[in-house]
Amino acid sequence: MLKKLVLSAALAASMIGTSARADEVRSDDPASLVRVMQNMGYRAELTKDNSGDPMIRSTASGSDFAILFYGCKSNRNCTTVQFFAGFKDPDNGSLSAINKWNNDNRFGRAYQAESGSARIEYDLDLDMGGMSAALFQDNLEVFISLVDRYRKYVYNRK
């Protein structure tokens, strides 16, 4: 009887673990990010960057952005992701303007590229089991909000 009870408990625990995994977003499973984004109504195209690592291309609020994968081994089993957006020929893209942005905004990291474009990034560590789809959605929405505000900032629009 005790053996049946222990086996039943183990089976129930494994079933709970399985359902939780279906709701996880993991950097070693780029398709998990794509699924969540598409369920939110975003276009999410899974492709590869110049080094062959996974990359997701998307658009929100009139701006293109990408999700880049880092810590990959042989272009797989990545450990972190970075949301990224860039803006060419900014009106307000000087180093002092970007430093002001960084000082006034807690989330996201803005910088000026060598080409003069204004860029913004937002990193997520998804190593060691990833995160829930709900938390990923929240982080994506924070980034999209940042991109919209940053685009308006660097192009002097209200």
N, C-alpha and C. Protein backbone atom coordinates (compact mmCIF):
# COMPACT_ATOMS: atom_id res chain seq x y z
N MET A 1 0.82 -1.19 0.00
CA MET A 1 0.00 0.00 0.00
C MET A 1 0.87 1.26 0.00
N LEU A 2 1.87 1.28 0.88
CA LEU A 2 2.76 2.44 0.96
C LEU A 2 3.51 2.63 -0.36
N LYS A 3 3.90 1.52 -0.98
CA LYS A 3 4.61 1.60 -2.26
C LYS A 3 3.72 2.24 -3.33
N LYS A 4 2.41 1.85 -3.37
CA LYS A 4 1.48 2.44 -4.33
C LYS A 4 1.30 3.93 -4.08
N LEU A 5 1.24 4.33 -2.81
CA LEU A 5 1.07 5.73 -2.44
C LEU A 5 2.27 6.55 -2.90
N VAL A 6 3.47 6.03 -2.66
CA VAL A 6 4.69 6.73 -3.08
C VAL A 6 4.74 6.84 -4.60
N LEU A 7 4.40 5.78 -5.32
CA LEU A 7 4.40 5.82 -6.78
C LEU A 7 3.35 6.80 -7.30
N SER A 8 2.17 6.83 -6.68
CA SER A 8 1.12 7.77 -7.08
C SER A 8 1.57 9.20 -6.87
N ALA A 9 2.22 9.47 -5.75
CA ALA A 9 2.71 10.82 -5.46
C ALA A 9 3.79 11.22 -6.47
N ALA A 10 4.68 10.30 -6.80
CA ALA A 10 5.73 10.59 -7.77
C ALA A 10 5.14 10.86 -9.15
N LEU A 11 4.13 10.09 -9.55
CA LEU A 11 3.48 10.29 -10.83
C LEU A 11 2.78 11.65 -10.87
N ALA A 12 2.08 12.00 -9.80
CA ALA A 12 1.41 13.30 -9.73
C ALA A 12 2.41 14.44 -9.80
N ALA A 13 3.52 14.31 -9.10
CA ALA A 13 4.56 15.35 -9.13
C ALA A 13 5.14 15.49 -10.52
N SER A 14 5.35 14.38 -11.22
CA SER A 14 5.91 14.47 -12.58
C SER A 14 4.92 15.10 -13.54
N MET A 15 3.63 14.86 -13.34
CA MET A 15 2.61 15.47 -14.20
C MET A 15 2.53 16.97 -13.96
N ILE A 16 2.65 17.40 -12.71
CA ILE A 16 2.65 18.83 -12.41
C ILE A 16 3.87 19.47 -13.04
N GLY A 17 5.02 18.83 -12.93
CA GLY A 17 6.24 19.36 -13.54
C GLY A 17 6.11 19.49 -15.04
N THR A 18 5.45 18.53 -15.69
CA THR A 18 5.27 18.58 -17.13
C THR A 18 4.40 19.75 -17.54
N SER A 19 3.30 19.97 -16.82
CA SER A 19 2.44 21.09 -17.19
C SER A 19 3.13 22.42 -16.94
N ALA A 20 3.96 22.52 -15.92
CA ALA A 20 4.69 23.76 -15.66
C ALA A 20 5.70 24.01 -16.78
N ARG A 21 6.34 22.96 -17.27
CA ARG A 21 7.33 23.13 -18.33
C ARG A 21 6.71 23.64 -19.62
N ALA A 22 5.47 23.29 -19.87
CA ALA A 22 4.79 23.75 -21.09
C ALA A 22 4.56 25.26 -21.04
N ASP A 23 4.57 25.84 -19.85
CA ASP A 23 4.33 27.27 -19.67
C ASP A 23 5.64 28.03 -19.48
N GLU A 24 6.77 27.39 -19.67
CA GLU A 24 8.07 28.03 -19.48
C GLU A 24 8.60 28.62 -20.77
N VAL A 25 9.37 29.66 -20.63
CA VAL A 25 10.13 30.24 -21.73
C VAL A 25 11.59 29.99 -21.40
N ARG A 26 12.28 29.34 -22.32
CA ARG A 26 13.68 28.98 -22.07
C ARG A 26 14.54 29.38 -23.25
N SER A 27 15.72 29.91 -22.97
CA SER A 27 16.62 30.33 -24.04
C SER A 27 17.18 29.14 -24.81
N ASP A 28 17.16 27.95 -24.22
CA ASP A 28 17.62 26.78 -24.97
C ASP A 28 16.52 26.21 -25.85
N ASP A 29 15.34 26.86 -25.85
CA ASP A 29 14.21 26.49 -26.69
C ASP A 29 13.64 27.76 -27.33
N PRO A 30 14.31 28.31 -28.37
CA PRO A 30 13.86 29.57 -28.97
C PRO A 30 12.40 29.55 -29.41
N ALA A 31 11.90 28.38 -29.81
CA ALA A 31 10.50 28.29 -30.22
C ALA A 31 9.55 28.61 -29.08
N SER A 32 9.98 28.41 -27.83
CA SER A 32 9.12 28.74 -26.69
C SER A 32 8.87 30.25 -26.61
N LEU A 33 9.86 31.05 -26.97
CA LEU A 33 9.69 32.51 -27.00
C LEU A 33 8.77 32.89 -28.15
N VAL A 34 8.97 32.26 -29.30
CA VAL A 34 8.13 32.54 -30.48
C VAL A 34 6.66 32.25 -30.16
N ARG A 35 6.40 31.11 -29.54
CA ARG A 35 5.01 30.73 -29.21
C ARG A 35 4.34 31.79 -28.32
N VAL A 36 5.04 32.21 -27.28
CA VAL A 36 4.47 33.20 -26.37
C VAL A 36 4.22 34.51 -27.10
N MET A 37 5.18 34.94 -27.91
CA MET A 37 5.02 36.20 -28.65
C MET A 37 3.83 36.12 -29.62
N GLN A 38 3.73 35.02 -30.34
CA GLN A 38 2.62 34.87 -31.28
C GLN A 38 1.28 34.79 -30.56
N ASN A 39 1.26 34.15 -29.40
CA ASN A 39 0.03 34.10 -28.60
C ASN A 39 -0.36 35.49 -28.12
N MET A 40 0.61 36.39 -27.98
CA MET A 40 0.34 37.77 -27.58
C MET A 40 -0.08 38.62 -28.78
N GLY A 41 0.00 38.06 -29.99
CA GLY A 41 -0.39 38.78 -31.19
C GLY A 41 0.75 39.43 -31.95
N TYR A 42 1.98 39.16 -31.55
CA TYR A 42 3.14 39.73 -32.24
C TYR A 42 3.63 38.81 -33.35
N ARG A 43 4.17 39.42 -34.39
CA ARG A 43 4.88 38.65 -35.40
C ARG A 43 6.19 38.23 -34.75
N ALA A 44 6.58 37.01 -34.90
CA ALA A 44 7.83 36.52 -34.34
C ALA A 44 8.43 35.53 -35.33
N GLU A 45 9.46 35.98 -36.01
CA GLU A 45 10.12 35.15 -37.02
C GLU A 45 11.43 34.63 -36.44
N LEU A 46 11.52 33.30 -36.30
CA LEU A 46 12.74 32.68 -35.80
C LEU A 46 13.71 32.52 -36.96
N THR A 47 14.88 33.11 -36.81
CA THR A 47 15.91 33.06 -37.84
C THR A 47 17.26 32.89 -37.15
N LYS A 48 18.34 33.24 -37.82
CA LYS A 48 19.69 33.12 -37.23
C LYS A 48 20.45 34.42 -37.43
N ASP A 49 21.36 34.71 -36.50
CA ASP A 49 22.21 35.88 -36.64
C ASP A 49 23.42 35.53 -37.50
N ASN A 50 24.34 36.46 -37.66
CA ASN A 50 25.51 36.25 -38.53
C ASN A 50 26.42 35.11 -38.07
N SER A 51 26.39 34.77 -36.78
CA SER A 51 27.23 33.68 -36.30
C SER A 51 26.48 32.34 -36.24
N GLY A 52 25.21 32.34 -36.65
CA GLY A 52 24.42 31.11 -36.68
C GLY A 52 23.60 30.86 -35.42
N ASP A 53 23.69 31.76 -34.44
CA ASP A 53 22.88 31.62 -33.23
C ASP A 53 21.43 32.00 -33.54
N PRO A 54 20.49 31.47 -32.78
CA PRO A 54 19.08 31.83 -33.01
C PRO A 54 18.86 33.33 -32.85
N MET A 55 17.85 33.84 -33.53
CA MET A 55 17.46 35.24 -33.43
C MET A 55 15.98 35.31 -33.80
N ILE A 56 15.25 36.16 -33.09
CA ILE A 56 13.84 36.37 -33.39
C ILE A 56 13.67 37.80 -33.86
N ARG A 57 13.01 37.99 -34.99
CA ARG A 57 12.70 39.33 -35.51
C ARG A 57 11.22 39.61 -35.28
N SER A 58 10.93 40.86 -34.87
CA SER A 58 9.55 41.24 -34.63
C SER A 58 9.39 42.75 -34.80
N THR A 59 8.17 43.22 -34.63
CA THR A 59 7.83 44.64 -34.74
C THR A 59 6.77 44.97 -33.70
N ALA A 60 6.89 46.15 -33.12
CA ALA A 60 5.87 46.64 -32.19
C ALA A 60 5.93 48.16 -32.17
N SER A 61 4.79 48.79 -32.07
CA SER A 61 4.69 50.25 -31.98
C SER A 61 5.44 50.94 -33.11
N GLY A 62 5.44 50.33 -34.29
CA GLY A 62 6.09 50.94 -35.44
C GLY A 62 7.60 50.79 -35.49
N SER A 63 8.16 50.00 -34.61
CA SER A 63 9.62 49.81 -34.57
C SER A 63 9.97 48.33 -34.69
N ASP A 64 10.97 48.05 -35.51
CA ASP A 64 11.50 46.70 -35.60
C ASP A 64 12.36 46.44 -34.37
N PHE A 65 12.36 45.19 -33.90
CA PHE A 65 13.28 44.81 -32.84
C PHE A 65 13.65 43.36 -33.02
N ALA A 66 14.69 42.95 -32.30
CA ALA A 66 15.15 41.56 -32.38
C ALA A 66 15.37 41.03 -30.98
N ILE A 67 15.28 39.73 -30.87
CA ILE A 67 15.69 39.05 -29.65
C ILE A 67 16.90 38.21 -30.04
N LEU A 68 18.03 38.54 -29.44
CA LEU A 68 19.30 37.87 -29.72
C LEU A 68 19.59 36.86 -28.62
N PHE A 69 20.18 35.74 -28.99
CA PHE A 69 20.48 34.66 -28.04
C PHE A 69 21.99 34.64 -27.78
N TYR A 70 22.36 34.52 -26.51
CA TYR A 70 23.77 34.53 -26.11
C TYR A 70 24.09 33.31 -25.24
N GLY A 71 25.38 33.05 -25.08
CA GLY A 71 25.84 31.92 -24.28
C GLY A 71 25.57 30.60 -24.96
N CYS A 72 25.46 30.64 -26.28
CA CYS A 72 25.13 29.42 -27.04
C CYS A 72 26.37 28.56 -27.23
N LYS A 73 26.15 27.27 -27.27
CA LYS A 73 27.22 26.32 -27.57
C LYS A 73 26.86 25.65 -28.89
N SER A 74 27.70 25.86 -29.90
CA SER A 74 27.44 25.34 -31.24
C SER A 74 26.07 25.77 -31.75
N ASN A 75 25.74 27.05 -31.52
CA ASN A 75 24.49 27.67 -31.98
C ASN A 75 23.24 27.07 -31.35
N ARG A 76 23.40 26.41 -30.20
CA ARG A 76 22.27 25.82 -29.47
C ARG A 76 22.52 25.95 -27.98
N ASN A 77 21.53 25.53 -27.21
CA ASN A 77 21.66 25.52 -25.75
C ASN A 77 22.09 26.88 -25.20
N CYS A 78 21.43 27.94 -25.67
CA CYS A 78 21.75 29.30 -25.26
C CYS A 78 21.29 29.53 -23.82
N THR A 79 21.92 30.48 -23.13
CA THR A 79 21.62 30.71 -21.72
C THR A 79 20.92 32.04 -21.44
N THR A 80 21.10 33.02 -22.32
CA THR A 80 20.50 34.33 -22.09
C THR A 80 19.96 34.89 -23.40
N VAL A 81 19.08 35.88 -23.28
CA VAL A 81 18.58 36.57 -24.47
C VAL A 81 18.69 38.07 -24.23
N GLN A 82 18.68 38.79 -25.34
CA GLN A 82 18.73 40.25 -25.28
C GLN A 82 17.73 40.81 -26.28
N PHE A 83 16.82 41.65 -25.78
CA PHE A 83 15.94 42.41 -26.66
C PHE A 83 16.76 43.57 -27.20
N PHE A 84 16.63 43.87 -28.49
CA PHE A 84 17.47 44.89 -29.12
C PHE A 84 16.68 45.68 -30.15
N ALA A 85 16.86 47.00 -30.15
CA ALA A 85 16.29 47.86 -31.20
C ALA A 85 17.29 48.96 -31.51
N GLY A 86 17.37 49.34 -32.77
CA GLY A 86 18.28 50.41 -33.19
C GLY A 86 17.57 51.42 -34.07
N PHE A 87 18.03 52.67 -34.00
CA PHE A 87 17.40 53.76 -34.75
C PHE A 87 18.48 54.55 -35.47
N LYS A 88 18.38 54.58 -36.81
CA LYS A 88 19.37 55.28 -37.64
C LYS A 88 19.09 56.78 -37.66
N ASP A 89 20.16 57.55 -37.79
CA ASP A 89 20.09 59.00 -37.93
C ASP A 89 19.18 59.67 -36.90
N PRO A 90 19.45 59.44 -35.60
CA PRO A 90 18.61 60.06 -34.58
C PRO A 90 18.83 61.58 -34.51
N ASP A 91 17.78 62.31 -34.22
CA ASP A 91 17.89 63.75 -34.01
C ASP A 91 18.49 64.06 -32.65
N ASN A 92 18.26 63.17 -31.71
CA ASN A 92 18.65 63.38 -30.32
C ASN A 92 19.48 62.19 -29.85
N GLY A 93 20.54 61.88 -30.60
CA GLY A 93 21.32 60.69 -30.31
C GLY A 93 22.73 60.97 -29.82
N SER A 94 22.97 62.19 -29.32
CA SER A 94 24.31 62.50 -28.82
C SER A 94 24.59 61.68 -27.56
N LEU A 95 25.86 61.58 -27.22
CA LEU A 95 26.22 60.83 -26.02
C LEU A 95 25.58 61.44 -24.78
N SER A 96 25.53 62.78 -24.71
CA SER A 96 24.92 63.40 -23.53
C SER A 96 23.42 63.12 -23.48
N ALA A 97 22.75 63.12 -24.63
CA ALA A 97 21.31 62.81 -24.65
C ALA A 97 21.06 61.36 -24.24
N ILE A 98 21.90 60.46 -24.72
CA ILE A 98 21.74 59.04 -24.36
C ILE A 98 22.07 58.83 -22.89
N ASN A 99 23.09 59.52 -22.39
CA ASN A 99 23.40 59.42 -20.96
C ASN A 99 22.23 59.92 -20.12
N LYS A 100 21.58 60.99 -20.57
CA LYS A 100 20.41 61.49 -19.85
C LYS A 100 19.31 60.44 -19.85
N TRP A 101 19.08 59.82 -21.01
CA TRP A 101 18.08 58.75 -21.09
C TRP A 101 18.38 57.66 -20.05
N ASN A 102 19.63 57.19 -20.04
CA ASN A 102 20.01 56.13 -19.11
C ASN A 102 19.84 56.57 -17.66
N ASN A 103 20.14 57.82 -17.37
CA ASN A 103 19.99 58.34 -16.02
C ASN A 103 18.52 58.40 -15.60
N ASP A 104 17.64 58.73 -16.55
CA ASP A 104 16.21 58.93 -16.25
C ASP A 104 15.38 57.66 -16.37
N ASN A 105 15.94 56.59 -16.91
CA ASN A 105 15.19 55.35 -17.15
C ASN A 105 15.92 54.17 -16.54
N ARG A 106 15.25 53.51 -15.63
CA ARG A 106 15.88 52.42 -14.89
C ARG A 106 16.08 51.17 -15.75
N PHE A 107 15.10 50.81 -16.55
CA PHE A 107 15.19 49.58 -17.32
C PHE A 107 15.69 49.87 -18.72
N GLY A 108 16.39 48.91 -19.31
CA GLY A 108 16.95 49.08 -20.65
C GLY A 108 18.28 49.81 -20.57
N ARG A 109 19.08 49.61 -21.57
CA ARG A 109 20.40 50.24 -21.65
C ARG A 109 20.52 50.85 -23.04
N ALA A 110 20.71 52.15 -23.08
CA ALA A 110 20.82 52.85 -24.37
C ALA A 110 22.28 53.20 -24.62
N TYR A 111 22.64 53.27 -25.90
CA TYR A 111 24.00 53.67 -26.26
C TYR A 111 24.04 54.13 -27.70
N GLN A 112 25.13 54.77 -28.04
CA GLN A 112 25.36 55.22 -29.42
C GLN A 112 26.34 54.26 -30.08
N ALA A 113 25.95 53.71 -31.21
CA ALA A 113 26.83 52.81 -31.96
C ALA A 113 27.89 53.61 -32.70
N GLU A 114 28.94 52.95 -33.14
CA GLU A 114 29.98 53.63 -33.92
C GLU A 114 29.42 54.31 -35.15
N SER A 115 28.36 53.74 -35.72
CA SER A 115 27.73 54.30 -36.92
C SER A 115 26.93 55.56 -36.60
N GLY A 116 26.73 55.84 -35.30
CA GLY A 116 25.93 56.99 -34.89
C GLY A 116 24.48 56.65 -34.60
N SER A 117 24.08 55.41 -34.87
CA SER A 117 22.70 55.03 -34.57
C SER A 117 22.50 54.94 -33.06
N ALA A 118 21.27 55.16 -32.65
CA ALA A 118 20.90 55.05 -31.24
C ALA A 118 20.33 53.66 -31.01
N ARG A 119 20.80 52.99 -29.97
CA ARG A 119 20.39 51.61 -29.72
C ARG A 119 19.91 51.46 -28.29
N ILE A 120 19.03 50.49 -28.11
CA ILE A 120 18.54 50.16 -26.77
C ILE A 120 18.49 48.64 -26.64
N GLU A 121 18.90 48.16 -25.46
CA GLU A 121 18.95 46.73 -25.19
C GLU A 121 18.33 46.45 -23.82
N TYR A 122 17.89 45.21 -23.67
CA TYR A 122 17.27 44.77 -22.42
C TYR A 122 17.59 43.28 -22.28
N ASP A 123 18.34 42.90 -21.27
CA ASP A 123 18.81 41.52 -21.13
C ASP A 123 17.94 40.70 -20.19
N LEU A 124 17.81 39.40 -20.51
CA LEU A 124 17.13 38.44 -19.64
C LEU A 124 18.00 37.21 -19.49
N ASP A 125 18.22 36.79 -18.25
CA ASP A 125 18.94 35.55 -17.97
C ASP A 125 17.90 34.44 -17.86
N LEU A 126 17.89 33.54 -18.81
CA LEU A 126 16.92 32.44 -18.83
C LEU A 126 17.58 31.10 -18.53
N ASP A 127 18.79 31.14 -18.02
CA ASP A 127 19.51 29.93 -17.67
C ASP A 127 18.85 29.27 -16.46
N MET A 128 19.12 28.03 -16.23
CA MET A 128 18.66 27.30 -15.05
C MET A 128 17.13 27.21 -14.99
N GLY A 129 16.48 26.89 -16.10
CA GLY A 129 15.06 26.62 -16.07
C GLY A 129 14.16 27.66 -16.69
N GLY A 130 14.71 28.78 -17.11
CA GLY A 130 13.90 29.78 -17.80
C GLY A 130 13.01 30.56 -16.86
N MET A 131 11.85 30.99 -17.40
CA MET A 131 10.88 31.74 -16.61
C MET A 131 9.49 31.42 -17.12
N SER A 132 8.50 31.82 -16.36
CA SER A 132 7.12 31.56 -16.77
C SER A 132 6.79 32.40 -18.00
N ALA A 133 5.83 31.93 -18.76
CA ALA A 133 5.37 32.69 -19.93
C ALA A 133 4.84 34.05 -19.49
N ALA A 134 4.15 34.10 -18.35
CA ALA A 134 3.58 35.37 -17.87
C ALA A 134 4.68 36.38 -17.55
N LEU A 135 5.77 35.93 -16.93
CA LEU A 135 6.87 36.84 -16.60
C LEU A 135 7.59 37.28 -17.88
N PHE A 136 7.74 36.38 -18.84
CA PHE A 136 8.34 36.76 -20.12
C PHE A 136 7.47 37.81 -20.81
N GLN A 137 6.16 37.60 -20.82
CA GLN A 137 5.25 38.57 -21.43
C GLN A 137 5.41 39.93 -20.78
N ASP A 138 5.51 39.96 -19.47
CA ASP A 138 5.68 41.22 -18.75
C ASP A 138 6.98 41.90 -19.17
N ASN A 139 8.07 41.15 -19.25
CA ASN A 139 9.36 41.72 -19.67
C ASN A 139 9.31 42.22 -21.11
N LEU A 140 8.64 41.47 -21.98
CA LEU A 140 8.51 41.90 -23.37
C LEU A 140 7.72 43.20 -23.45
N GLU A 141 6.64 43.31 -22.69
CA GLU A 141 5.83 44.53 -22.69
C GLU A 141 6.62 45.73 -22.15
N VAL A 142 7.47 45.50 -21.13
CA VAL A 142 8.33 46.57 -20.62
C VAL A 142 9.27 47.03 -21.73
N PHE A 143 9.89 46.08 -22.43
CA PHE A 143 10.81 46.45 -23.50
C PHE A 143 10.09 47.20 -24.62
N ILE A 144 8.94 46.74 -25.03
CA ILE A 144 8.20 47.40 -26.11
C ILE A 144 7.83 48.82 -25.71
N SER A 145 7.46 49.01 -24.48
CA SER A 145 7.17 50.35 -23.97
C SER A 145 8.42 51.22 -24.02
N LEU A 146 9.56 50.65 -23.62
CA LEU A 146 10.83 51.38 -23.68
C LEU A 146 11.18 51.77 -25.11
N VAL A 147 11.00 50.84 -26.04
CA VAL A 147 11.33 51.11 -27.44
C VAL A 147 10.48 52.26 -27.97
N ASP A 148 9.21 52.25 -27.66
CA ASP A 148 8.32 53.32 -28.12
C ASP A 148 8.77 54.67 -27.55
N ARG A 149 9.03 54.72 -26.25
CA ARG A 149 9.48 55.97 -25.62
C ARG A 149 10.86 56.40 -26.14
N TYR A 150 11.76 55.44 -26.32
CA TYR A 150 13.12 55.75 -26.79
C TYR A 150 13.09 56.27 -28.23
N ARG A 151 12.26 55.64 -29.08
CA ARG A 151 12.14 56.11 -30.47
C ARG A 151 11.67 57.56 -30.48
N LYS A 152 10.65 57.87 -29.68
CA LYS A 152 10.16 59.25 -29.61
C LYS A 152 11.25 60.19 -29.07
N TYR A 153 12.01 59.72 -28.11
CA TYR A 153 13.07 60.53 -27.51
C TYR A 153 14.17 60.85 -28.53
N VAL A 154 14.66 59.82 -29.23
CA VAL A 154 15.80 60.05 -30.14
C VAL A 154 15.39 60.79 -31.40
N TYR A 155 14.10 60.78 -31.73
CA TYR A 155 13.62 61.52 -32.90
C TYR A 155 12.86 62.79 -32.50
N ASN A 156 12.99 63.21 -31.22
CA ASN A 156 12.37 64.44 -30.73
C ASN A 156 10.88 64.51 -31.02
N ARG A 157 10.18 63.42 -30.75
CA ARG A 157 8.73 63.39 -30.96
C ARG A 157 8.04 63.19 -29.62
N LYS A 158 6.88 63.74 -29.49
CA LYS A 158 6.13 63.58 -28.22
C LYS A 158 5.12 62.48 -28.31
